[in-house]
């Protein structure tokens, strides 16, 4: 891939990720807030193990609580990584791209974990429209984050090859 192509593809993917992660943060924050507000009355009739968990999500299924929490964590980390990644891609030098590559790999791991929980939630079924939206966007942002990580790693290889050709090392 050419140097300019990697840079523009990474920039576009990071902007798309920024928007998708923001949507994930908004929906997951709403779900956590809704769960906190309604957990006292709903969880009071549950047995002991379920009552101990401080946030009981009164809608969805048994995977909903874990999915919402992990998607919120992945959304916050992904939003921050996309912002810093845009700054690093604009600079487009070795150290900046290595930083962006490491951060995008960590974010990709968290997003894959949230996507796995979204798939489990879909498998169990019985969710409302807000959770289905969060599941869909989590799966979409996982794909774009994976592409973004790959493009940034290709950019790292391009920059390293350019630096080696300028210094004469093989």
N, C-alpha and C. Protein backbone atom coordinates (compact mmCIF):
# COMPACT_ATOMS: atom_id res chain seq x y z
N UNK A 1 0.85 -1.17 0.00
CA UNK A 1 0.00 0.00 0.00
C UNK A 1 0.89 1.22 0.00
N UNK A 2 0.52 2.23 -0.70
CA UNK A 2 1.32 3.45 -0.77
C UNK A 2 1.21 4.23 0.54
N UNK A 3 2.21 5.07 0.75
CA UNK A 3 2.27 5.83 1.99
C UNK A 3 1.05 6.72 2.17
N UNK A 4 0.66 7.46 1.14
CA UNK A 4 -0.51 8.33 1.23
C UNK A 4 -1.80 7.56 1.38
N UNK A 5 -1.88 6.39 0.75
CA UNK A 5 -3.09 5.57 0.85
C UNK A 5 -3.29 5.03 2.25
N UNK A 6 -2.22 4.61 2.89
CA UNK A 6 -2.32 4.11 4.27
C UNK A 6 -2.74 5.22 5.21
N UNK A 7 -2.16 6.40 4.99
CA UNK A 7 -2.47 7.52 5.88
C UNK A 7 -3.92 7.95 5.75
N UNK A 8 -4.42 8.06 4.52
CA UNK A 8 -5.81 8.49 4.34
C UNK A 8 -6.79 7.41 4.79
N UNK A 9 -6.47 6.14 4.54
CA UNK A 9 -7.36 5.06 4.99
C UNK A 9 -7.41 5.00 6.51
N UNK A 10 -6.25 5.16 7.15
CA UNK A 10 -6.22 5.15 8.62
C UNK A 10 -6.99 6.33 9.18
N UNK A 11 -6.86 7.50 8.57
CA UNK A 11 -7.58 8.68 9.06
C UNK A 11 -9.09 8.49 8.94
N UNK A 12 -9.54 7.99 7.80
CA UNK A 12 -10.98 7.77 7.60
C UNK A 12 -11.52 6.74 8.58
N UNK A 13 -10.80 5.63 8.74
CA UNK A 13 -11.25 4.59 9.67
C UNK A 13 -11.26 5.09 11.11
N UNK A 14 -10.29 5.90 11.48
CA UNK A 14 -10.26 6.43 12.85
C UNK A 14 -11.41 7.41 13.09
N UNK A 15 -11.78 8.18 12.09
CA UNK A 15 -12.92 9.09 12.24
C UNK A 15 -14.22 8.29 12.36
N UNK A 16 -14.36 7.25 11.55
CA UNK A 16 -15.55 6.38 11.65
C UNK A 16 -15.59 5.72 13.02
N UNK A 17 -14.44 5.24 13.50
CA UNK A 17 -14.39 4.62 14.83
C UNK A 17 -14.75 5.62 15.92
N UNK A 18 -14.30 6.85 15.77
CA UNK A 18 -14.60 7.89 16.76
C UNK A 18 -16.11 8.07 16.89
N UNK A 19 -16.81 8.13 15.77
CA UNK A 19 -18.27 8.31 15.79
C UNK A 19 -18.95 7.06 16.36
N UNK A 20 -18.52 5.87 15.92
CA UNK A 20 -19.16 4.64 16.40
C UNK A 20 -18.91 4.42 17.89
N UNK A 21 -17.70 4.68 18.35
CA UNK A 21 -17.42 4.53 19.79
C UNK A 21 -18.22 5.54 20.61
N UNK A 22 -18.44 6.74 20.09
CA UNK A 22 -19.26 7.71 20.81
C UNK A 22 -20.69 7.19 20.94
N UNK A 23 -21.22 6.59 19.90
CA UNK A 23 -22.58 6.03 19.95
C UNK A 23 -22.63 4.89 20.96
N UNK A 24 -21.60 4.05 20.98
CA UNK A 24 -21.53 2.96 21.96
C UNK A 24 -21.51 3.52 23.38
N UNK A 25 -20.73 4.57 23.60
CA UNK A 25 -20.67 5.18 24.94
C UNK A 25 -22.03 5.71 25.36
N UNK A 26 -22.73 6.37 24.46
CA UNK A 26 -24.03 6.97 24.80
C UNK A 26 -25.04 5.88 25.15
N UNK A 27 -25.15 4.85 24.32
CA UNK A 27 -26.16 3.81 24.57
C UNK A 27 -25.80 2.98 25.81
N UNK A 28 -24.52 2.63 25.96
CA UNK A 28 -24.12 1.84 27.13
C UNK A 28 -24.26 2.65 28.41
N UNK A 29 -23.97 3.94 28.36
CA UNK A 29 -24.15 4.79 29.55
C UNK A 29 -25.62 4.89 29.93
N UNK A 30 -26.49 5.00 28.92
CA UNK A 30 -27.92 5.01 29.20
C UNK A 30 -28.34 3.71 29.88
N UNK A 31 -27.83 2.58 29.37
CA UNK A 31 -28.22 1.29 29.93
C UNK A 31 -27.72 1.13 31.37
N UNK A 32 -26.50 1.57 31.64
CA UNK A 32 -25.98 1.50 33.02
C UNK A 32 -26.79 2.41 33.93
N UNK A 33 -27.09 3.62 33.49
CA UNK A 33 -27.89 4.55 34.29
C UNK A 33 -29.27 3.97 34.56
N UNK A 34 -29.89 3.42 33.53
CA UNK A 34 -31.21 2.81 33.68
C UNK A 34 -31.15 1.63 34.66
N UNK A 35 -30.08 0.84 34.56
CA UNK A 35 -29.92 -0.28 35.46
C UNK A 35 -29.71 0.15 36.90
N UNK A 36 -28.95 1.21 37.11
CA UNK A 36 -28.72 1.70 38.47
C UNK A 36 -30.02 2.24 39.07
N UNK A 37 -30.79 2.98 38.29
CA UNK A 37 -32.02 3.56 38.81
C UNK A 37 -33.07 2.51 39.14
N UNK A 38 -33.14 1.45 38.36
CA UNK A 38 -34.20 0.46 38.57
C UNK A 38 -33.73 -0.79 39.30
N UNK A 39 -32.45 -0.87 39.68
CA UNK A 39 -31.94 -2.12 40.25
C UNK A 39 -32.46 -2.37 41.67
N UNK A 40 -32.70 -1.34 42.46
CA UNK A 40 -33.13 -1.56 43.84
C UNK A 40 -34.46 -2.28 43.90
N UNK A 41 -35.42 -1.80 43.12
CA UNK A 41 -36.75 -2.43 43.19
C UNK A 41 -36.78 -3.78 42.50
N UNK A 42 -36.00 -3.95 41.44
CA UNK A 42 -36.04 -5.19 40.68
C UNK A 42 -35.21 -6.28 41.35
N UNK A 43 -34.04 -5.92 41.86
CA UNK A 43 -33.14 -6.91 42.43
C UNK A 43 -33.54 -7.34 43.84
N UNK A 44 -34.46 -6.64 44.48
CA UNK A 44 -34.84 -7.00 45.84
C UNK A 44 -35.55 -8.35 45.92
N UNK A 45 -36.13 -8.81 44.83
CA UNK A 45 -36.83 -10.10 44.84
C UNK A 45 -35.94 -11.24 44.35
N UNK A 46 -34.70 -10.94 43.97
CA UNK A 46 -33.80 -11.97 43.46
C UNK A 46 -33.13 -12.73 44.59
N UNK A 47 -32.55 -13.87 44.25
CA UNK A 47 -31.81 -14.65 45.24
C UNK A 47 -30.47 -13.97 45.51
N UNK A 48 -29.73 -14.48 46.49
CA UNK A 48 -28.51 -13.84 46.98
C UNK A 48 -27.43 -13.61 45.91
N UNK A 49 -27.02 -14.55 45.08
CA UNK A 49 -25.92 -14.22 44.16
C UNK A 49 -26.25 -13.07 43.22
N UNK A 50 -27.47 -12.98 42.74
CA UNK A 50 -27.83 -11.91 41.83
C UNK A 50 -28.00 -10.58 42.56
N UNK A 51 -28.36 -10.62 43.84
CA UNK A 51 -28.56 -9.41 44.61
C UNK A 51 -27.23 -8.74 44.98
N UNK A 52 -26.15 -9.49 45.02
CA UNK A 52 -24.85 -8.95 45.41
C UNK A 52 -24.29 -8.04 44.32
N UNK A 53 -24.53 -8.36 43.06
CA UNK A 53 -24.00 -7.55 41.96
C UNK A 53 -24.61 -6.16 42.04
N UNK A 54 -23.79 -5.09 42.11
CA UNK A 54 -24.34 -3.76 42.37
C UNK A 54 -25.20 -3.19 41.25
N UNK A 55 -24.96 -3.59 40.02
CA UNK A 55 -25.76 -3.08 38.91
C UNK A 55 -26.50 -4.26 38.30
N UNK A 56 -27.78 -4.31 38.53
CA UNK A 56 -28.61 -5.34 37.93
C UNK A 56 -29.37 -4.69 36.79
N UNK A 57 -29.19 -5.18 35.58
CA UNK A 57 -29.88 -4.62 34.42
C UNK A 57 -31.25 -5.30 34.34
N UNK A 58 -32.32 -4.55 34.57
CA UNK A 58 -33.65 -5.17 34.64
C UNK A 58 -34.27 -5.51 33.29
N UNK A 59 -33.57 -5.29 32.21
CA UNK A 59 -34.08 -5.64 30.89
C UNK A 59 -33.03 -6.50 30.21
N UNK A 60 -33.43 -7.21 29.20
CA UNK A 60 -32.48 -8.08 28.50
C UNK A 60 -32.43 -9.46 29.13
N UNK A 61 -31.27 -10.11 29.02
CA UNK A 61 -31.12 -11.47 29.54
C UNK A 61 -29.94 -11.52 30.50
N UNK A 62 -29.46 -12.71 30.79
CA UNK A 62 -28.41 -12.85 31.80
C UNK A 62 -27.05 -12.32 31.34
N UNK A 63 -26.83 -12.17 30.06
CA UNK A 63 -25.57 -11.63 29.56
C UNK A 63 -25.58 -10.12 29.45
N UNK A 64 -26.70 -9.48 29.68
CA UNK A 64 -26.84 -8.05 29.45
C UNK A 64 -25.92 -7.22 30.34
N UNK A 65 -25.84 -7.54 31.61
CA UNK A 65 -25.01 -6.75 32.53
C UNK A 65 -23.55 -6.75 32.11
N UNK A 66 -23.02 -7.92 31.81
CA UNK A 66 -21.62 -8.01 31.38
C UNK A 66 -21.41 -7.31 30.05
N UNK A 67 -22.34 -7.51 29.13
CA UNK A 67 -22.22 -6.89 27.81
C UNK A 67 -22.21 -5.37 27.91
N UNK A 68 -23.11 -4.81 28.70
CA UNK A 68 -23.20 -3.36 28.82
C UNK A 68 -21.94 -2.79 29.46
N UNK A 69 -21.45 -3.42 30.52
CA UNK A 69 -20.26 -2.92 31.20
C UNK A 69 -19.04 -3.00 30.29
N UNK A 70 -18.84 -4.13 29.62
CA UNK A 70 -17.67 -4.27 28.76
C UNK A 70 -17.77 -3.40 27.50
N UNK A 71 -18.98 -3.19 26.99
CA UNK A 71 -19.10 -2.30 25.83
C UNK A 71 -18.85 -0.85 26.25
N UNK A 72 -19.21 -0.48 27.47
CA UNK A 72 -18.91 0.87 27.95
C UNK A 72 -17.40 1.05 28.11
N UNK A 73 -16.73 0.06 28.67
CA UNK A 73 -15.27 0.14 28.81
C UNK A 73 -14.60 0.20 27.44
N UNK A 74 -15.03 -0.66 26.52
CA UNK A 74 -14.45 -0.66 25.18
C UNK A 74 -14.75 0.65 24.46
N UNK A 75 -15.92 1.22 24.68
CA UNK A 75 -16.28 2.48 24.05
C UNK A 75 -15.41 3.64 24.53
N UNK A 76 -15.18 3.71 25.83
CA UNK A 76 -14.36 4.80 26.37
C UNK A 76 -12.91 4.65 25.92
N UNK A 77 -12.38 3.44 26.01
CA UNK A 77 -11.00 3.22 25.57
C UNK A 77 -10.87 3.44 24.06
N UNK A 78 -11.84 2.97 23.30
CA UNK A 78 -11.80 3.14 21.86
C UNK A 78 -11.92 4.59 21.43
N UNK A 79 -12.74 5.36 22.12
CA UNK A 79 -12.87 6.78 21.80
C UNK A 79 -11.55 7.50 22.05
N UNK A 80 -10.93 7.22 23.19
CA UNK A 80 -9.63 7.83 23.49
C UNK A 80 -8.55 7.40 22.52
N UNK A 81 -8.55 6.13 22.17
CA UNK A 81 -7.56 5.62 21.22
C UNK A 81 -7.76 6.22 19.84
N UNK A 82 -9.00 6.40 19.43
CA UNK A 82 -9.25 7.00 18.12
C UNK A 82 -8.80 8.46 18.08
N UNK A 83 -9.03 9.19 19.16
CA UNK A 83 -8.57 10.58 19.21
C UNK A 83 -7.05 10.67 19.15
N UNK A 84 -6.38 9.89 19.99
CA UNK A 84 -4.91 9.93 19.98
C UNK A 84 -4.36 9.32 18.70
N UNK A 85 -5.05 8.33 18.16
CA UNK A 85 -4.62 7.72 16.91
C UNK A 85 -4.68 8.71 15.75
N UNK A 86 -5.71 9.55 15.73
CA UNK A 86 -5.78 10.58 14.70
C UNK A 86 -4.58 11.53 14.79
N UNK A 87 -4.23 11.91 16.00
CA UNK A 87 -3.06 12.78 16.19
C UNK A 87 -1.79 12.09 15.72
N UNK A 88 -1.64 10.82 16.06
CA UNK A 88 -0.45 10.06 15.67
C UNK A 88 -0.38 9.84 14.17
N UNK A 89 -1.52 9.60 13.54
CA UNK A 89 -1.53 9.36 12.09
C UNK A 89 -1.22 10.66 11.34
N UNK A 90 -1.64 11.79 11.87
CA UNK A 90 -1.32 13.07 11.24
C UNK A 90 0.20 13.28 11.25
N UNK A 91 0.86 12.91 12.33
CA UNK A 91 2.32 13.06 12.41
C UNK A 91 3.03 12.10 11.47
N UNK A 92 2.56 10.87 11.36
CA UNK A 92 3.04 9.84 10.44
C UNK A 92 4.56 9.65 10.48
N UNK A 93 5.09 9.40 11.67
CA UNK A 93 6.48 9.01 11.81
C UNK A 93 6.55 7.73 12.63
N UNK A 94 7.72 7.15 12.72
CA UNK A 94 7.88 5.85 13.36
C UNK A 94 7.35 5.76 14.78
N UNK A 95 7.83 6.62 15.70
CA UNK A 95 7.36 6.52 17.09
C UNK A 95 5.86 6.75 17.25
N UNK A 96 5.31 7.70 16.50
CA UNK A 96 3.88 7.98 16.61
C UNK A 96 3.04 6.80 16.11
N UNK A 97 3.48 6.21 15.00
CA UNK A 97 2.72 5.07 14.47
C UNK A 97 2.87 3.83 15.34
N UNK A 98 4.02 3.66 15.97
CA UNK A 98 4.15 2.53 16.90
C UNK A 98 3.21 2.71 18.10
N UNK A 99 3.08 3.93 18.58
CA UNK A 99 2.15 4.21 19.67
C UNK A 99 0.72 3.94 19.23
N UNK A 100 0.35 4.41 18.05
CA UNK A 100 -1.00 4.18 17.54
C UNK A 100 -1.27 2.70 17.32
N UNK A 101 -0.25 1.96 16.85
CA UNK A 101 -0.43 0.53 16.61
C UNK A 101 -0.65 -0.23 17.91
N UNK A 102 0.11 0.11 18.94
CA UNK A 102 -0.05 -0.58 20.23
C UNK A 102 -1.40 -0.26 20.86
N UNK A 103 -1.79 1.01 20.81
CA UNK A 103 -3.08 1.40 21.38
C UNK A 103 -4.24 0.78 20.61
N UNK A 104 -4.13 0.73 19.29
CA UNK A 104 -5.23 0.15 18.51
C UNK A 104 -5.34 -1.35 18.73
N UNK A 105 -4.22 -2.01 18.99
CA UNK A 105 -4.26 -3.44 19.27
C UNK A 105 -4.94 -3.72 20.61
N UNK A 106 -4.64 -2.90 21.62
CA UNK A 106 -5.30 -3.06 22.92
C UNK A 106 -6.80 -2.78 22.81
N UNK A 107 -7.15 -1.74 22.07
CA UNK A 107 -8.56 -1.41 21.88
C UNK A 107 -9.28 -2.49 21.10
N UNK A 108 -8.60 -3.05 20.11
CA UNK A 108 -9.20 -4.13 19.33
C UNK A 108 -9.49 -5.34 20.23
N UNK A 109 -8.61 -5.62 21.17
CA UNK A 109 -8.83 -6.73 22.09
C UNK A 109 -10.06 -6.49 22.96
N UNK A 110 -10.18 -5.29 23.51
CA UNK A 110 -11.36 -4.98 24.33
C UNK A 110 -12.65 -5.00 23.51
N UNK A 111 -12.57 -4.50 22.30
CA UNK A 111 -13.75 -4.48 21.45
C UNK A 111 -14.16 -5.88 21.02
N UNK A 112 -13.17 -6.74 20.79
CA UNK A 112 -13.49 -8.14 20.47
C UNK A 112 -14.16 -8.83 21.66
N UNK A 113 -13.74 -8.50 22.87
CA UNK A 113 -14.39 -9.06 24.06
C UNK A 113 -15.84 -8.59 24.15
N UNK A 114 -16.06 -7.30 23.92
CA UNK A 114 -17.44 -6.79 23.93
C UNK A 114 -18.27 -7.41 22.81
N UNK A 115 -17.64 -7.63 21.65
CA UNK A 115 -18.37 -8.26 20.55
C UNK A 115 -18.74 -9.71 20.89
N UNK A 116 -17.85 -10.40 21.56
CA UNK A 116 -18.17 -11.77 21.98
C UNK A 116 -19.36 -11.80 22.92
N UNK A 117 -19.41 -10.85 23.84
CA UNK A 117 -20.57 -10.76 24.73
C UNK A 117 -21.83 -10.34 23.98
N UNK A 118 -21.67 -9.51 22.94
CA UNK A 118 -22.83 -9.14 22.11
C UNK A 118 -23.36 -10.37 21.38
N UNK A 119 -22.46 -11.19 20.87
CA UNK A 119 -22.88 -12.42 20.19
C UNK A 119 -23.58 -13.36 21.16
N UNK A 120 -23.09 -13.44 22.40
CA UNK A 120 -23.74 -14.27 23.41
C UNK A 120 -25.13 -13.72 23.73
N UNK A 121 -25.22 -12.40 23.80
CA UNK A 121 -26.52 -11.78 24.06
C UNK A 121 -27.50 -12.07 22.93
N UNK A 122 -27.02 -12.01 21.70
CA UNK A 122 -27.87 -12.32 20.54
C UNK A 122 -28.29 -13.78 20.59
N UNK A 123 -27.36 -14.65 20.96
CA UNK A 123 -27.65 -16.08 21.04
C UNK A 123 -28.72 -16.37 22.09
N UNK A 124 -28.65 -15.71 23.23
CA UNK A 124 -29.65 -15.92 24.28
C UNK A 124 -31.00 -15.30 23.93
N UNK A 125 -30.96 -14.22 23.12
CA UNK A 125 -32.19 -13.58 22.67
C UNK A 125 -32.85 -12.76 23.75
N UNK A 126 -34.07 -12.29 23.45
CA UNK A 126 -34.94 -11.61 24.40
C UNK A 126 -34.36 -10.27 24.85
N UNK A 127 -34.06 -9.39 23.89
CA UNK A 127 -33.57 -8.05 24.22
C UNK A 127 -34.46 -7.01 23.56
N UNK A 128 -34.41 -5.79 24.09
CA UNK A 128 -35.21 -4.72 23.50
C UNK A 128 -34.42 -4.00 22.40
N UNK A 129 -35.02 -2.99 21.80
CA UNK A 129 -34.43 -2.35 20.63
C UNK A 129 -33.15 -1.58 20.95
N UNK A 130 -33.05 -0.98 22.13
CA UNK A 130 -31.83 -0.26 22.47
C UNK A 130 -30.64 -1.21 22.58
N UNK A 131 -30.85 -2.37 23.16
CA UNK A 131 -29.76 -3.34 23.26
C UNK A 131 -29.42 -3.93 21.90
N UNK A 132 -30.41 -4.13 21.05
CA UNK A 132 -30.12 -4.62 19.70
C UNK A 132 -29.29 -3.60 18.93
N UNK A 133 -29.58 -2.33 19.13
CA UNK A 133 -28.78 -1.28 18.50
C UNK A 133 -27.35 -1.31 19.02
N UNK A 134 -27.18 -1.45 20.33
CA UNK A 134 -25.85 -1.53 20.92
C UNK A 134 -25.10 -2.76 20.43
N UNK A 135 -25.79 -3.88 20.30
CA UNK A 135 -25.16 -5.10 19.79
C UNK A 135 -24.67 -4.90 18.36
N UNK A 136 -25.53 -4.31 17.52
CA UNK A 136 -25.18 -4.10 16.12
C UNK A 136 -24.01 -3.15 15.97
N UNK A 137 -24.05 -2.05 16.69
CA UNK A 137 -22.96 -1.07 16.58
C UNK A 137 -21.67 -1.64 17.16
N UNK A 138 -21.75 -2.45 18.18
CA UNK A 138 -20.54 -3.08 18.73
C UNK A 138 -19.91 -4.01 17.71
N UNK A 139 -20.71 -4.75 16.99
CA UNK A 139 -20.18 -5.64 15.95
C UNK A 139 -19.58 -4.83 14.81
N UNK A 140 -20.24 -3.74 14.42
CA UNK A 140 -19.71 -2.87 13.36
C UNK A 140 -18.39 -2.22 13.77
N UNK A 141 -18.33 -1.71 14.99
CA UNK A 141 -17.11 -1.04 15.44
C UNK A 141 -15.97 -2.04 15.62
N UNK A 142 -16.29 -3.29 15.89
CA UNK A 142 -15.24 -4.31 15.95
C UNK A 142 -14.61 -4.50 14.58
N UNK A 143 -15.43 -4.55 13.55
CA UNK A 143 -14.90 -4.71 12.19
C UNK A 143 -14.07 -3.50 11.77
N UNK A 144 -14.57 -2.30 12.03
CA UNK A 144 -13.81 -1.12 11.63
C UNK A 144 -12.54 -0.96 12.46
N UNK A 145 -12.58 -1.36 13.73
CA UNK A 145 -11.38 -1.30 14.56
C UNK A 145 -10.34 -2.31 14.08
N UNK A 146 -10.78 -3.47 13.66
CA UNK A 146 -9.85 -4.47 13.13
C UNK A 146 -9.19 -3.97 11.84
N UNK A 147 -9.98 -3.38 10.95
CA UNK A 147 -9.41 -2.80 9.73
C UNK A 147 -8.46 -1.65 10.05
N UNK A 148 -8.85 -0.81 10.99
CA UNK A 148 -8.01 0.31 11.39
C UNK A 148 -6.68 -0.17 11.96
N UNK A 149 -6.72 -1.20 12.78
CA UNK A 149 -5.50 -1.77 13.35
C UNK A 149 -4.60 -2.32 12.25
N UNK A 150 -5.19 -3.01 11.29
CA UNK A 150 -4.40 -3.55 10.17
C UNK A 150 -3.78 -2.44 9.34
N UNK A 151 -4.54 -1.38 9.05
CA UNK A 151 -4.01 -0.28 8.24
C UNK A 151 -2.89 0.45 8.97
N UNK A 152 -3.04 0.64 10.27
CA UNK A 152 -1.98 1.31 11.03
C UNK A 152 -0.72 0.45 11.06
N UNK A 153 -0.88 -0.86 11.19
CA UNK A 153 0.30 -1.75 11.17
C UNK A 153 0.96 -1.74 9.79
N UNK A 154 0.18 -1.65 8.72
CA UNK A 154 0.76 -1.52 7.38
C UNK A 154 1.52 -0.20 7.27
N UNK A 155 0.96 0.86 7.85
CA UNK A 155 1.64 2.15 7.86
C UNK A 155 2.95 2.10 8.61
N UNK A 156 2.99 1.35 9.71
CA UNK A 156 4.24 1.18 10.46
C UNK A 156 5.29 0.52 9.57
N UNK A 157 4.88 -0.51 8.86
CA UNK A 157 5.82 -1.19 7.96
C UNK A 157 6.31 -0.27 6.85
N UNK A 158 5.41 0.57 6.31
CA UNK A 158 5.81 1.53 5.27
C UNK A 158 6.84 2.53 5.79
N UNK A 159 6.58 3.06 6.98
CA UNK A 159 7.49 4.05 7.55
C UNK A 159 8.83 3.42 7.87
N UNK A 160 8.83 2.20 8.38
CA UNK A 160 10.10 1.52 8.67
C UNK A 160 10.87 1.27 7.39
N UNK A 161 10.17 0.85 6.34
CA UNK A 161 10.84 0.62 5.05
C UNK A 161 11.42 1.91 4.49
N UNK A 162 10.69 3.01 4.63
CA UNK A 162 11.19 4.30 4.16
C UNK A 162 12.42 4.74 4.96
N UNK A 163 12.36 4.58 6.27
CA UNK A 163 13.50 4.97 7.10
C UNK A 163 14.73 4.13 6.79
N UNK A 164 14.54 2.86 6.52
CA UNK A 164 15.66 1.99 6.18
C UNK A 164 16.25 2.35 4.82
N UNK A 165 15.40 2.73 3.89
CA UNK A 165 15.92 3.10 2.55
C UNK A 165 16.68 4.43 2.59
N UNK A 166 16.28 5.34 3.49
CA UNK A 166 16.98 6.61 3.61
C UNK A 166 18.31 6.46 4.31
N UNK A 167 18.40 5.55 5.27
CA UNK A 167 19.66 5.37 5.99
C UNK A 167 20.57 4.35 5.32
N UNK A 168 20.06 3.60 4.38
CA UNK A 168 20.88 2.62 3.64
C UNK A 168 20.97 1.27 4.33
N UNK A 169 20.23 1.08 5.44
CA UNK A 169 20.24 -0.22 6.11
C UNK A 169 19.25 -1.16 5.43
N UNK A 170 19.55 -2.45 5.54
CA UNK A 170 18.66 -3.45 4.95
C UNK A 170 17.94 -4.21 6.00
